[in-house]
Amino acid sequence: NVAVAFLITLFAGLATGIGSLIAFLAKNTNKKFLSISLVFSAGVMIYVSMIEIFSKAKASLVLALGEKGGNYVTVISFFAGMFLIAIIDKFVPSGENPHEVKALPSEGKDEKNTDALLRTGVFTAL
């Protein structure tokens, strides 16, 4: 069991290192690939966090409310939280809402956003 855990940890560390080497050694920046990679990694992190929190909440609620009640309350609370966040998101003005899609600037004119995207990619790789 320790060897398997060590190998998985080693693989995760090597993947991070290899990914950062690719980012640093690439001569041209493919914004589409970088954006998709950032979205993918964010999705993986959110999924892992959600699964851990969900299972711990379910275990606690099953102990407190029993198997059936704990399962129901866990699932209902999960979807109620999603619904509440969706309502809050609708009340935030669109100009200030980071989740609203904005018009993309024309190619080559917005160096500030390019620098910010590259910086985000480097920090994510590290």
N, C-alpha and C. Protein backbone atom coordinates (compact mmCIF):
# COMPACT_ATOMS: atom_id res chain seq x y z
N ASN A 1 0.81 -1.20 0.00
CA ASN A 1 0.00 0.00 0.00
C ASN A 1 0.85 1.26 0.00
N VAL A 2 1.94 1.24 0.74
CA VAL A 2 2.82 2.41 0.79
C VAL A 2 3.49 2.62 -0.57
N ALA A 3 3.86 1.54 -1.23
CA ALA A 3 4.50 1.65 -2.54
C ALA A 3 3.53 2.24 -3.57
N VAL A 4 2.29 1.83 -3.53
CA VAL A 4 1.30 2.36 -4.47
C VAL A 4 1.09 3.85 -4.21
N ALA A 5 0.95 4.23 -2.94
CA ALA A 5 0.78 5.65 -2.60
C ALA A 5 1.99 6.46 -3.04
N PHE A 6 3.18 5.90 -2.84
CA PHE A 6 4.40 6.59 -3.26
C PHE A 6 4.44 6.77 -4.77
N LEU A 7 4.09 5.73 -5.52
CA LEU A 7 4.11 5.82 -6.98
C LEU A 7 3.09 6.83 -7.51
N ILE A 8 1.92 6.86 -6.90
CA ILE A 8 0.91 7.84 -7.33
C ILE A 8 1.39 9.26 -7.04
N THR A 9 1.98 9.46 -5.86
CA THR A 9 2.51 10.78 -5.52
C THR A 9 3.66 11.16 -6.43
N LEU A 10 4.53 10.21 -6.73
CA LEU A 10 5.64 10.46 -7.64
C LEU A 10 5.13 10.84 -9.03
N PHE A 11 4.13 10.12 -9.52
CA PHE A 11 3.55 10.42 -10.83
C PHE A 11 2.95 11.82 -10.85
N ALA A 12 2.24 12.20 -9.80
CA ALA A 12 1.63 13.53 -9.74
C ALA A 12 2.71 14.61 -9.74
N GLY A 13 3.76 14.40 -8.98
CA GLY A 13 4.86 15.36 -8.95
C GLY A 13 5.57 15.47 -10.29
N LEU A 14 5.82 14.34 -10.94
CA LEU A 14 6.47 14.35 -12.24
C LEU A 14 5.59 15.00 -13.30
N ALA A 15 4.29 14.77 -13.23
CA ALA A 15 3.37 15.39 -14.19
C ALA A 15 3.41 16.91 -14.05
N THR A 16 3.47 17.40 -12.83
CA THR A 16 3.56 18.84 -12.61
C THR A 16 4.86 19.38 -13.18
N GLY A 17 5.96 18.69 -12.92
CA GLY A 17 7.25 19.13 -13.43
C GLY A 17 7.32 19.10 -14.95
N ILE A 18 6.83 18.04 -15.55
CA ILE A 18 6.84 17.93 -17.01
C ILE A 18 5.95 19.00 -17.63
N GLY A 19 4.80 19.25 -17.04
CA GLY A 19 3.91 20.30 -17.55
C GLY A 19 4.54 21.67 -17.48
N SER A 20 5.25 21.96 -16.40
CA SER A 20 5.90 23.26 -16.29
C SER A 20 7.06 23.38 -17.27
N LEU A 21 7.78 22.29 -17.52
CA LEU A 21 8.85 22.32 -18.52
C LEU A 21 8.30 22.62 -19.91
N ILE A 22 7.19 22.00 -20.24
CA ILE A 22 6.56 22.26 -21.53
C ILE A 22 6.20 23.74 -21.64
N ALA A 23 5.65 24.29 -20.56
CA ALA A 23 5.25 25.71 -20.58
C ALA A 23 6.45 26.63 -20.74
N PHE A 24 7.55 26.31 -20.07
CA PHE A 24 8.72 27.18 -20.14
C PHE A 24 9.51 27.02 -21.43
N LEU A 25 9.51 25.84 -22.02
CA LEU A 25 10.31 25.60 -23.21
C LEU A 25 9.57 25.87 -24.52
N ALA A 26 8.27 26.09 -24.46
CA ALA A 26 7.50 26.35 -25.67
C ALA A 26 7.88 27.72 -26.24
N LYS A 27 8.14 27.75 -27.53
CA LYS A 27 8.53 29.00 -28.18
C LYS A 27 7.31 29.87 -28.51
N ASN A 28 6.23 29.25 -28.93
CA ASN A 28 5.01 29.98 -29.25
C ASN A 28 3.93 29.60 -28.25
N THR A 29 3.13 30.56 -27.88
CA THR A 29 2.05 30.30 -26.94
C THR A 29 0.75 30.08 -27.70
N ASN A 30 0.19 28.93 -27.52
CA ASN A 30 -1.11 28.62 -28.11
C ASN A 30 -2.16 28.96 -27.06
N LYS A 31 -2.83 30.11 -27.22
CA LYS A 31 -3.78 30.58 -26.22
C LYS A 31 -4.95 29.62 -26.04
N LYS A 32 -5.38 29.01 -27.12
CA LYS A 32 -6.50 28.08 -27.04
C LYS A 32 -6.12 26.87 -26.19
N PHE A 33 -4.94 26.30 -26.44
CA PHE A 33 -4.48 25.15 -25.67
C PHE A 33 -4.28 25.52 -24.20
N LEU A 34 -3.69 26.69 -23.95
CA LEU A 34 -3.45 27.13 -22.57
C LEU A 34 -4.78 27.34 -21.85
N SER A 35 -5.73 27.95 -22.50
CA SER A 35 -7.04 28.18 -21.89
C SER A 35 -7.74 26.87 -21.58
N ILE A 36 -7.72 25.94 -22.51
CA ILE A 36 -8.36 24.64 -22.30
C ILE A 36 -7.66 23.89 -21.17
N SER A 37 -6.34 23.97 -21.12
CA SER A 37 -5.59 23.30 -20.05
C SER A 37 -5.94 23.87 -18.69
N LEU A 38 -6.05 25.20 -18.60
CA LEU A 38 -6.41 25.83 -17.33
C LEU A 38 -7.82 25.43 -16.89
N VAL A 39 -8.74 25.39 -17.84
CA VAL A 39 -10.11 25.00 -17.50
C VAL A 39 -10.14 23.54 -17.05
N PHE A 40 -9.40 22.68 -17.73
CA PHE A 40 -9.35 21.27 -17.36
C PHE A 40 -8.79 21.10 -15.95
N SER A 41 -7.68 21.77 -15.65
CA SER A 41 -7.08 21.62 -14.32
C SER A 41 -8.00 22.20 -13.24
N ALA A 42 -8.68 23.29 -13.53
CA ALA A 42 -9.63 23.85 -12.57
C ALA A 42 -10.78 22.87 -12.33
N GLY A 43 -11.26 22.25 -13.39
CA GLY A 43 -12.33 21.27 -13.25
C GLY A 43 -11.91 20.07 -12.42
N VAL A 44 -10.69 19.60 -12.62
CA VAL A 44 -10.19 18.47 -11.83
C VAL A 44 -10.11 18.86 -10.36
N MET A 45 -9.58 20.05 -10.07
CA MET A 45 -9.45 20.48 -8.68
C MET A 45 -10.82 20.64 -8.02
N ILE A 46 -11.77 21.22 -8.73
CA ILE A 46 -13.12 21.39 -8.17
C ILE A 46 -13.77 20.03 -7.94
N TYR A 47 -13.60 19.12 -8.88
CA TYR A 47 -14.19 17.78 -8.74
C TYR A 47 -13.63 17.06 -7.52
N VAL A 48 -12.31 17.08 -7.37
CA VAL A 48 -11.69 16.39 -6.24
C VAL A 48 -12.14 17.00 -4.92
N SER A 49 -12.16 18.33 -4.86
CA SER A 49 -12.61 19.00 -3.64
C SER A 49 -14.06 18.66 -3.32
N MET A 50 -14.91 18.70 -4.34
CA MET A 50 -16.32 18.43 -4.13
C MET A 50 -16.55 17.00 -3.67
N ILE A 51 -15.86 16.06 -4.26
CA ILE A 51 -16.04 14.66 -3.88
C ILE A 51 -15.61 14.44 -2.43
N GLU A 52 -14.50 15.04 -2.03
CA GLU A 52 -14.05 14.88 -0.64
C GLU A 52 -15.04 15.50 0.33
N ILE A 53 -15.48 16.71 0.06
CA ILE A 53 -16.42 17.39 0.95
C ILE A 53 -17.76 16.65 0.97
N PHE A 54 -18.23 16.22 -0.19
CA PHE A 54 -19.52 15.53 -0.28
C PHE A 54 -19.50 14.24 0.55
N SER A 55 -18.43 13.46 0.42
CA SER A 55 -18.38 12.19 1.14
C SER A 55 -18.28 12.40 2.65
N LYS A 56 -17.53 13.42 3.08
CA LYS A 56 -17.43 13.70 4.52
C LYS A 56 -18.77 14.20 5.07
N ALA A 57 -19.44 15.06 4.31
CA ALA A 57 -20.76 15.55 4.74
C ALA A 57 -21.75 14.40 4.82
N LYS A 58 -21.71 13.52 3.83
CA LYS A 58 -22.62 12.38 3.81
C LYS A 58 -22.38 11.48 5.02
N ALA A 59 -21.11 11.20 5.31
CA ALA A 59 -20.79 10.34 6.46
C ALA A 59 -21.30 10.96 7.76
N SER A 60 -21.11 12.26 7.93
CA SER A 60 -21.58 12.93 9.15
C SER A 60 -23.09 12.92 9.24
N LEU A 61 -23.76 13.19 8.13
CA LEU A 61 -25.22 13.23 8.14
C LEU A 61 -25.83 11.84 8.31
N VAL A 62 -25.19 10.82 7.78
CA VAL A 62 -25.69 9.45 7.96
C VAL A 62 -25.58 9.06 9.43
N LEU A 63 -24.50 9.47 10.09
CA LEU A 63 -24.37 9.18 11.53
C LEU A 63 -25.45 9.90 12.33
N ALA A 64 -25.76 11.13 11.95
CA ALA A 64 -26.73 11.92 12.70
C ALA A 64 -28.17 11.58 12.37
N LEU A 65 -28.46 11.28 11.11
CA LEU A 65 -29.85 11.12 10.67
C LEU A 65 -30.20 9.71 10.21
N GLY A 66 -29.25 8.82 10.21
CA GLY A 66 -29.50 7.47 9.69
C GLY A 66 -29.18 7.41 8.21
N GLU A 67 -29.16 6.19 7.69
CA GLU A 67 -28.74 5.98 6.29
C GLU A 67 -29.62 6.73 5.30
N LYS A 68 -30.92 6.51 5.37
CA LYS A 68 -31.83 7.11 4.39
C LYS A 68 -31.90 8.63 4.55
N GLY A 69 -32.10 9.10 5.76
CA GLY A 69 -32.20 10.54 6.01
C GLY A 69 -30.92 11.28 5.67
N GLY A 70 -29.77 10.70 6.03
CA GLY A 70 -28.49 11.32 5.74
C GLY A 70 -28.23 11.44 4.25
N ASN A 71 -28.58 10.39 3.51
CA ASN A 71 -28.41 10.44 2.05
C ASN A 71 -29.30 11.51 1.43
N TYR A 72 -30.56 11.55 1.85
CA TYR A 72 -31.48 12.55 1.30
C TYR A 72 -31.02 13.97 1.61
N VAL A 73 -30.67 14.23 2.86
CA VAL A 73 -30.26 15.58 3.24
C VAL A 73 -28.98 15.99 2.51
N THR A 74 -28.06 15.05 2.32
CA THR A 74 -26.82 15.36 1.61
C THR A 74 -27.10 15.79 0.17
N VAL A 75 -27.89 15.01 -0.53
CA VAL A 75 -28.19 15.32 -1.93
C VAL A 75 -29.02 16.59 -2.06
N ILE A 76 -30.03 16.73 -1.21
CA ILE A 76 -30.87 17.94 -1.26
C ILE A 76 -30.04 19.18 -0.94
N SER A 77 -29.17 19.10 0.05
CA SER A 77 -28.32 20.24 0.41
C SER A 77 -27.36 20.59 -0.72
N PHE A 78 -26.84 19.59 -1.39
CA PHE A 78 -25.93 19.83 -2.51
C PHE A 78 -26.63 20.64 -3.60
N PHE A 79 -27.81 20.19 -4.01
CA PHE A 79 -28.52 20.89 -5.08
C PHE A 79 -29.08 22.23 -4.61
N ALA A 80 -29.47 22.33 -3.34
CA ALA A 80 -29.93 23.61 -2.81
C ALA A 80 -28.79 24.63 -2.82
N GLY A 81 -27.58 24.19 -2.51
CA GLY A 81 -26.42 25.07 -2.57
C GLY A 81 -26.15 25.54 -3.98
N MET A 82 -26.27 24.64 -4.95
CA MET A 82 -26.09 25.04 -6.35
C MET A 82 -27.14 26.06 -6.76
N PHE A 83 -28.38 25.84 -6.34
CA PHE A 83 -29.48 26.75 -6.67
C PHE A 83 -29.25 28.12 -6.03
N LEU A 84 -28.82 28.15 -4.78
CA LEU A 84 -28.55 29.41 -4.08
C LEU A 84 -27.44 30.19 -4.77
N ILE A 85 -26.37 29.52 -5.16
CA ILE A 85 -25.28 30.19 -5.86
C ILE A 85 -25.75 30.73 -7.21
N ALA A 86 -26.60 29.99 -7.91
CA ALA A 86 -27.14 30.46 -9.19
C ALA A 86 -27.97 31.73 -9.00
N ILE A 87 -28.75 31.78 -7.93
CA ILE A 87 -29.55 32.98 -7.65
C ILE A 87 -28.63 34.16 -7.33
N ILE A 88 -27.64 33.93 -6.48
CA ILE A 88 -26.70 35.00 -6.14
C ILE A 88 -25.99 35.49 -7.40
N ASP A 89 -25.60 34.57 -8.27
CA ASP A 89 -24.91 34.93 -9.50
C ASP A 89 -25.78 35.82 -10.39
N LYS A 90 -27.08 35.58 -10.39
CA LYS A 90 -27.98 36.39 -11.22
C LYS A 90 -28.12 37.81 -10.68
N PHE A 91 -27.94 38.01 -9.36
CA PHE A 91 -28.09 39.34 -8.77
C PHE A 91 -26.84 40.20 -8.90
N VAL A 92 -25.70 39.60 -9.19
CA VAL A 92 -24.46 40.37 -9.36
C VAL A 92 -24.52 41.05 -10.72
N PRO A 93 -24.28 42.37 -10.77
CA PRO A 93 -24.33 43.08 -12.06
C PRO A 93 -23.36 42.47 -13.07
N SER A 94 -23.78 42.42 -14.33
CA SER A 94 -22.99 41.73 -15.35
C SER A 94 -21.62 42.36 -15.56
N GLY A 95 -21.48 43.66 -15.36
CA GLY A 95 -20.18 44.30 -15.54
C GLY A 95 -19.17 43.88 -14.49
N GLU A 96 -19.64 43.50 -13.32
CA GLU A 96 -18.75 43.12 -12.22
C GLU A 96 -18.66 41.61 -12.03
N ASN A 97 -19.49 40.87 -12.74
CA ASN A 97 -19.56 39.43 -12.56
C ASN A 97 -18.45 38.74 -13.35
N PRO A 98 -17.54 38.04 -12.66
CA PRO A 98 -16.45 37.37 -13.37
C PRO A 98 -16.93 36.16 -14.18
N HIS A 99 -18.16 35.72 -13.98
CA HIS A 99 -18.67 34.56 -14.70
C HIS A 99 -19.37 34.92 -15.99
N GLU A 100 -19.59 36.20 -16.24
CA GLU A 100 -20.24 36.62 -17.47
C GLU A 100 -19.24 36.63 -18.62
N VAL A 101 -19.66 36.16 -19.77
CA VAL A 101 -18.79 36.13 -20.95
C VAL A 101 -18.72 37.54 -21.52
N LYS A 102 -17.50 38.00 -21.72
CA LYS A 102 -17.29 39.33 -22.29
C LYS A 102 -16.76 39.18 -23.71
N ALA A 103 -16.92 40.23 -24.50
CA ALA A 103 -16.42 40.21 -25.87
C ALA A 103 -14.90 40.08 -25.85
N LEU A 104 -14.38 39.23 -26.69
CA LEU A 104 -12.94 39.03 -26.77
C LEU A 104 -12.29 40.16 -27.54
N PRO A 105 -11.14 40.66 -27.06
CA PRO A 105 -10.45 41.70 -27.82
C PRO A 105 -9.87 41.13 -29.10
N SER A 106 -9.63 42.00 -30.06
CA SER A 106 -9.07 41.53 -31.32
C SER A 106 -7.64 41.05 -31.10
N GLU A 107 -7.22 40.13 -31.92
CA GLU A 107 -5.91 39.48 -31.82
C GLU A 107 -4.78 40.50 -31.90
N GLY A 108 -3.83 40.41 -30.98
CA GLY A 108 -2.62 41.22 -31.04
C GLY A 108 -2.74 42.60 -30.42
N LYS A 109 -3.90 43.01 -29.98
CA LYS A 109 -4.06 44.35 -29.44
C LYS A 109 -4.08 44.38 -27.92
N ASP A 110 -4.20 43.25 -27.28
CA ASP A 110 -4.37 43.25 -25.84
C ASP A 110 -3.25 42.48 -25.16
N GLU A 111 -2.10 43.11 -25.03
CA GLU A 111 -0.94 42.47 -24.41
C GLU A 111 -1.14 42.25 -22.92
N LYS A 112 -1.91 43.13 -22.27
CA LYS A 112 -2.14 43.00 -20.83
C LYS A 112 -2.83 41.68 -20.51
N ASN A 113 -3.87 41.32 -21.28
CA ASN A 113 -4.56 40.06 -21.05
C ASN A 113 -3.68 38.87 -21.38
N THR A 114 -2.85 38.99 -22.40
CA THR A 114 -1.93 37.92 -22.75
C THR A 114 -0.95 37.68 -21.62
N ASP A 115 -0.40 38.75 -21.07
CA ASP A 115 0.53 38.62 -19.95
C ASP A 115 -0.16 38.00 -18.74
N ALA A 116 -1.39 38.41 -18.47
CA ALA A 116 -2.13 37.85 -17.34
C ALA A 116 -2.40 36.37 -17.55
N LEU A 117 -2.75 35.97 -18.77
CA LEU A 117 -3.00 34.57 -19.07
C LEU A 117 -1.73 33.74 -18.91
N LEU A 118 -0.61 34.26 -19.39
CA LEU A 118 0.66 33.54 -19.24
C LEU A 118 1.05 33.42 -17.77
N ARG A 119 0.87 34.50 -17.01
CA ARG A 119 1.19 34.48 -15.58
C ARG A 119 0.33 33.45 -14.86
N THR A 120 -0.95 33.39 -15.20
CA THR A 120 -1.84 32.41 -14.59
C THR A 120 -1.39 30.99 -14.93
N GLY A 121 -0.99 30.77 -16.17
CA GLY A 121 -0.50 29.45 -16.57
C GLY A 121 0.75 29.05 -15.83
N VAL A 122 1.68 30.00 -15.65
CA VAL A 122 2.92 29.70 -14.93
C VAL A 122 2.62 29.38 -13.47
N PHE A 123 1.77 30.19 -12.82
CA PHE A 123 1.45 29.94 -11.41
C PHE A 123 0.71 28.62 -11.24
N THR A 124 -0.14 28.27 -12.19
CA THR A 124 -0.83 26.99 -12.12
C THR A 124 0.16 25.84 -12.27
N ALA A 125 1.13 26.00 -13.15
CA ALA A 125 2.13 24.95 -13.35
C ALA A 125 3.01 24.77 -12.12
N LEU A 126 3.28 25.86 -11.42
CA LEU A 126 4.13 25.77 -10.23
C LEU A 126 3.33 25.20 -9.09
